[in-house]
Amino acid sequence: MNLKRHKDRETLERIKRWPQLIGRFPRVRIYSAEHGAYWRRYGQGYTVEKGESAVWDCMDAFRKTMHCDPIKGIQFVDACASPRRRQEYA
């Protein structure tokens, strides 16, 4: 699967290969390229609306997804994309 590189996200497969990337973002949304949508809270399916998606600590997101097959195209999207939001989590 050919995934376009984005500055605001990291793929599950890259984090499996380079675990030091897990701390790149403090809080993330889980995105499934297979479904073209974000994970909702409490396993309630998928959504294309960021505001309806769950936000996790990056390590928790990794634990929830580490079993996923690469075909799913799991990506961790920075939930604090603006510099001001990043400072809130620092």
N, C-alpha and C. Protein backbone atom coordinates (compact mmCIF):
# COMPACT_ATOMS: atom_id res chain seq x y z
N MET A 1 0.84 -1.17 0.00
CA MET A 1 0.00 0.00 0.00
C MET A 1 0.89 1.24 0.00
N ASN A 2 0.65 2.14 -0.91
CA ASN A 2 1.45 3.35 -1.04
C ASN A 2 0.79 4.47 -0.25
N LEU A 3 1.39 4.88 0.86
CA LEU A 3 0.83 5.94 1.69
C LEU A 3 1.63 7.22 1.50
N LYS A 4 0.91 8.31 1.27
CA LYS A 4 1.55 9.60 1.13
C LYS A 4 2.07 10.05 2.50
N ARG A 5 3.28 10.59 2.54
CA ARG A 5 3.88 11.06 3.79
C ARG A 5 3.29 12.40 4.18
N HIS A 6 2.96 12.54 5.45
CA HIS A 6 2.41 13.78 6.01
C HIS A 6 3.24 14.18 7.22
N LYS A 7 3.37 15.48 7.45
CA LYS A 7 4.12 15.96 8.61
C LYS A 7 3.35 15.77 9.91
N ASP A 8 2.03 15.65 9.84
CA ASP A 8 1.21 15.58 11.04
C ASP A 8 0.84 14.16 11.44
N ARG A 9 1.51 13.15 10.87
CA ARG A 9 1.15 11.76 11.19
C ARG A 9 2.33 10.83 11.05
N GLU A 10 2.16 9.67 11.65
CA GLU A 10 3.17 8.61 11.56
C GLU A 10 2.43 7.30 11.38
N THR A 11 2.99 6.39 10.61
CA THR A 11 2.32 5.11 10.38
C THR A 11 2.68 4.08 11.45
N LEU A 12 1.79 3.16 11.66
CA LEU A 12 2.03 2.06 12.60
C LEU A 12 3.25 1.27 12.20
N GLU A 13 3.39 1.01 10.92
CA GLU A 13 4.52 0.19 10.45
C GLU A 13 5.86 0.87 10.70
N ARG A 14 5.93 2.20 10.53
CA ARG A 14 7.18 2.91 10.83
C ARG A 14 7.48 2.87 12.32
N ILE A 15 6.45 2.99 13.15
CA ILE A 15 6.68 2.96 14.60
C ILE A 15 7.12 1.56 15.03
N LYS A 16 6.57 0.52 14.41
CA LYS A 16 7.04 -0.83 14.73
C LYS A 16 8.51 -0.98 14.38
N ARG A 17 8.93 -0.39 13.28
CA ARG A 17 10.32 -0.49 12.84
C ARG A 17 11.24 0.42 13.65
N TRP A 18 10.76 1.63 13.96
CA TRP A 18 11.56 2.61 14.70
C TRP A 18 10.77 3.07 15.93
N PRO A 19 10.82 2.31 17.03
CA PRO A 19 10.01 2.62 18.22
C PRO A 19 10.24 4.02 18.81
N GLN A 20 11.38 4.62 18.56
CA GLN A 20 11.63 5.95 19.11
C GLN A 20 10.67 7.00 18.52
N LEU A 21 10.00 6.69 17.41
CA LEU A 21 9.04 7.62 16.82
C LEU A 21 7.76 7.72 17.62
N ILE A 22 7.55 6.82 18.55
CA ILE A 22 6.29 6.79 19.29
C ILE A 22 6.07 8.06 20.11
N GLY A 23 7.14 8.73 20.49
CA GLY A 23 7.00 9.97 21.25
C GLY A 23 6.91 11.22 20.40
N ARG A 24 6.82 11.06 19.10
CA ARG A 24 6.78 12.21 18.20
C ARG A 24 5.59 13.13 18.46
N PHE A 25 4.45 12.55 18.76
CA PHE A 25 3.24 13.32 19.06
C PHE A 25 2.72 12.89 20.43
N PRO A 26 2.37 13.84 21.31
CA PRO A 26 1.88 13.45 22.63
C PRO A 26 0.48 12.83 22.61
N ARG A 27 -0.40 13.36 21.77
CA ARG A 27 -1.79 12.87 21.66
C ARG A 27 -2.10 12.67 20.18
N VAL A 28 -2.79 11.58 19.88
CA VAL A 28 -3.06 11.23 18.48
C VAL A 28 -4.49 10.76 18.27
N ARG A 29 -4.91 10.84 17.02
CA ARG A 29 -6.12 10.18 16.54
C ARG A 29 -5.65 8.99 15.71
N ILE A 30 -6.40 7.91 15.73
CA ILE A 30 -6.05 6.73 14.93
C ILE A 30 -6.84 6.79 13.63
N TYR A 31 -6.11 6.74 12.52
CA TYR A 31 -6.71 6.81 11.20
C TYR A 31 -6.48 5.49 10.47
N SER A 32 -7.52 4.98 9.84
CA SER A 32 -7.43 3.77 9.04
C SER A 32 -7.52 4.14 7.57
N ALA A 33 -6.41 3.96 6.84
CA ALA A 33 -6.42 4.26 5.41
C ALA A 33 -7.35 3.29 4.67
N GLU A 34 -7.48 2.08 5.20
CA GLU A 34 -8.37 1.09 4.58
C GLU A 34 -9.81 1.61 4.54
N HIS A 35 -10.25 2.25 5.60
CA HIS A 35 -11.61 2.77 5.69
C HIS A 35 -11.70 4.25 5.34
N GLY A 36 -10.56 4.92 5.26
CA GLY A 36 -10.56 6.36 4.97
C GLY A 36 -11.22 7.16 6.06
N ALA A 37 -11.05 6.70 7.32
CA ALA A 37 -11.73 7.35 8.44
C ALA A 37 -10.96 7.15 9.74
N TYR A 38 -11.36 7.92 10.75
CA TYR A 38 -10.75 7.85 12.08
C TYR A 38 -11.53 6.88 12.97
N TRP A 39 -10.84 6.33 13.97
CA TRP A 39 -11.51 5.49 14.95
C TRP A 39 -12.36 6.36 15.87
N ARG A 40 -13.56 5.90 16.17
CA ARG A 40 -14.42 6.57 17.15
C ARG A 40 -14.06 6.09 18.55
N ARG A 41 -14.59 6.76 19.53
CA ARG A 41 -14.41 6.37 20.93
C ARG A 41 -15.10 5.03 21.21
N TYR A 42 -14.55 4.29 22.13
CA TYR A 42 -15.15 3.05 22.66
C TYR A 42 -15.45 2.01 21.59
N GLY A 43 -14.69 1.99 20.50
CA GLY A 43 -14.89 0.98 19.46
C GLY A 43 -16.21 1.11 18.74
N GLN A 44 -16.72 2.33 18.62
CA GLN A 44 -18.02 2.55 17.99
C GLN A 44 -17.90 2.85 16.50
N GLY A 45 -16.98 2.18 15.83
CA GLY A 45 -16.86 2.33 14.39
C GLY A 45 -15.91 3.43 13.96
N TYR A 46 -16.18 3.99 12.78
CA TYR A 46 -15.30 4.97 12.15
C TYR A 46 -16.07 6.26 11.86
N THR A 47 -15.30 7.35 11.69
CA THR A 47 -15.89 8.63 11.31
C THR A 47 -14.91 9.40 10.44
N VAL A 48 -15.43 10.21 9.54
CA VAL A 48 -14.57 11.07 8.74
C VAL A 48 -14.39 12.43 9.41
N GLU A 49 -15.15 12.69 10.47
CA GLU A 49 -15.09 13.94 11.21
C GLU A 49 -14.08 13.83 12.35
N LYS A 50 -13.03 14.66 12.31
CA LYS A 50 -12.02 14.63 13.37
C LYS A 50 -12.64 14.87 14.74
N GLY A 51 -13.59 15.78 14.81
CA GLY A 51 -14.22 16.11 16.09
C GLY A 51 -14.98 14.96 16.73
N GLU A 52 -15.36 13.98 15.95
CA GLU A 52 -16.08 12.81 16.46
C GLU A 52 -15.15 11.65 16.78
N SER A 53 -13.88 11.83 16.49
CA SER A 53 -12.92 10.74 16.71
C SER A 53 -12.33 10.81 18.11
N ALA A 54 -11.81 9.68 18.56
CA ALA A 54 -11.19 9.61 19.88
C ALA A 54 -9.76 10.15 19.81
N VAL A 55 -9.28 10.66 20.93
CA VAL A 55 -7.90 11.12 21.05
C VAL A 55 -7.23 10.30 22.14
N TRP A 56 -6.07 9.72 21.82
CA TRP A 56 -5.35 8.86 22.75
C TRP A 56 -3.94 9.36 22.98
N ASP A 57 -3.39 8.95 24.09
CA ASP A 57 -1.95 9.06 24.31
C ASP A 57 -1.32 8.17 23.24
N CYS A 58 -0.18 8.58 22.68
CA CYS A 58 0.41 7.84 21.57
C CYS A 58 0.73 6.38 21.94
N MET A 59 1.22 6.15 23.14
CA MET A 59 1.54 4.78 23.56
C MET A 59 0.27 3.93 23.65
N ASP A 60 -0.82 4.50 24.16
CA ASP A 60 -2.08 3.76 24.22
C ASP A 60 -2.59 3.43 22.82
N ALA A 61 -2.47 4.39 21.91
CA ALA A 61 -2.90 4.15 20.53
C ALA A 61 -2.07 3.02 19.91
N PHE A 62 -0.78 3.02 20.18
CA PHE A 62 0.08 1.97 19.65
C PHE A 62 -0.35 0.61 20.19
N ARG A 63 -0.60 0.53 21.49
CA ARG A 63 -1.04 -0.74 22.09
C ARG A 63 -2.35 -1.24 21.50
N LYS A 64 -3.27 -0.32 21.20
CA LYS A 64 -4.56 -0.71 20.65
C LYS A 64 -4.46 -1.20 19.20
N THR A 65 -3.41 -0.79 18.50
CA THR A 65 -3.32 -1.09 17.08
C THR A 65 -2.18 -2.02 16.68
N MET A 66 -1.29 -2.35 17.60
CA MET A 66 -0.08 -3.09 17.22
C MET A 66 -0.37 -4.44 16.58
N HIS A 67 -1.57 -4.99 16.80
CA HIS A 67 -1.94 -6.28 16.21
C HIS A 67 -2.47 -6.13 14.77
N CYS A 68 -2.76 -4.90 14.34
CA CYS A 68 -3.40 -4.67 13.04
C CYS A 68 -2.48 -5.04 11.86
N ASP A 69 -3.07 -5.61 10.85
CA ASP A 69 -2.36 -5.98 9.63
C ASP A 69 -1.96 -4.71 8.86
N PRO A 70 -0.82 -4.72 8.19
CA PRO A 70 -0.39 -3.54 7.42
C PRO A 70 -1.39 -3.08 6.37
N ILE A 71 -2.24 -3.97 5.87
CA ILE A 71 -3.23 -3.61 4.85
C ILE A 71 -4.22 -2.57 5.39
N LYS A 72 -4.37 -2.50 6.70
CA LYS A 72 -5.28 -1.52 7.31
C LYS A 72 -4.76 -0.09 7.15
N GLY A 73 -3.45 0.06 6.99
CA GLY A 73 -2.87 1.40 6.81
C GLY A 73 -3.07 2.29 8.01
N ILE A 74 -2.84 1.76 9.20
CA ILE A 74 -3.04 2.53 10.43
C ILE A 74 -2.03 3.67 10.51
N GLN A 75 -2.55 4.86 10.82
CA GLN A 75 -1.73 6.05 10.98
C GLN A 75 -2.11 6.74 12.28
N PHE A 76 -1.12 7.33 12.93
CA PHE A 76 -1.35 8.11 14.14
C PHE A 76 -1.25 9.58 13.74
N VAL A 77 -2.38 10.28 13.83
CA VAL A 77 -2.46 11.67 13.39
C VAL A 77 -2.34 12.58 14.61
N ASP A 78 -1.44 13.54 14.54
CA ASP A 78 -1.22 14.48 15.62
C ASP A 78 -2.53 15.18 15.99
N ALA A 79 -2.96 15.02 17.23
CA ALA A 79 -4.20 15.64 17.68
C ALA A 79 -3.98 17.08 18.13
N CYS A 80 -2.75 17.51 18.22
CA CYS A 80 -2.42 18.88 18.64
C CYS A 80 -1.61 19.53 17.53
N ALA A 81 -2.17 19.60 16.35
CA ALA A 81 -1.41 20.03 15.17
C ALA A 81 -0.90 21.47 15.25
N SER A 82 -1.61 22.35 15.94
CA SER A 82 -1.13 23.73 16.01
C SER A 82 -0.07 23.86 17.10
N PRO A 83 0.90 24.77 16.93
CA PRO A 83 1.95 24.95 17.95
C PRO A 83 1.38 25.29 19.33
N ARG A 84 0.29 26.06 19.38
CA ARG A 84 -0.32 26.41 20.67
C ARG A 84 -0.85 25.17 21.38
N ARG A 85 -1.52 24.29 20.65
CA ARG A 85 -2.05 23.06 21.24
C ARG A 85 -0.92 22.16 21.73
N ARG A 86 0.20 22.10 21.00
CA ARG A 86 1.33 21.28 21.42
C ARG A 86 1.86 21.75 22.76
N GLN A 87 1.89 23.06 22.99
CA GLN A 87 2.39 23.61 24.25
C GLN A 87 1.50 23.18 25.41
N GLU A 88 0.20 23.02 25.16
CA GLU A 88 -0.72 22.57 26.22
C GLU A 88 -0.36 21.18 26.73
N TYR A 89 0.19 20.33 25.86
CA TYR A 89 0.52 18.96 26.22
C TYR A 89 1.96 18.79 26.62
N ALA A 90 2.76 19.86 26.52
CA ALA A 90 4.19 19.76 26.86
C ALA A 90 4.41 19.64 28.34
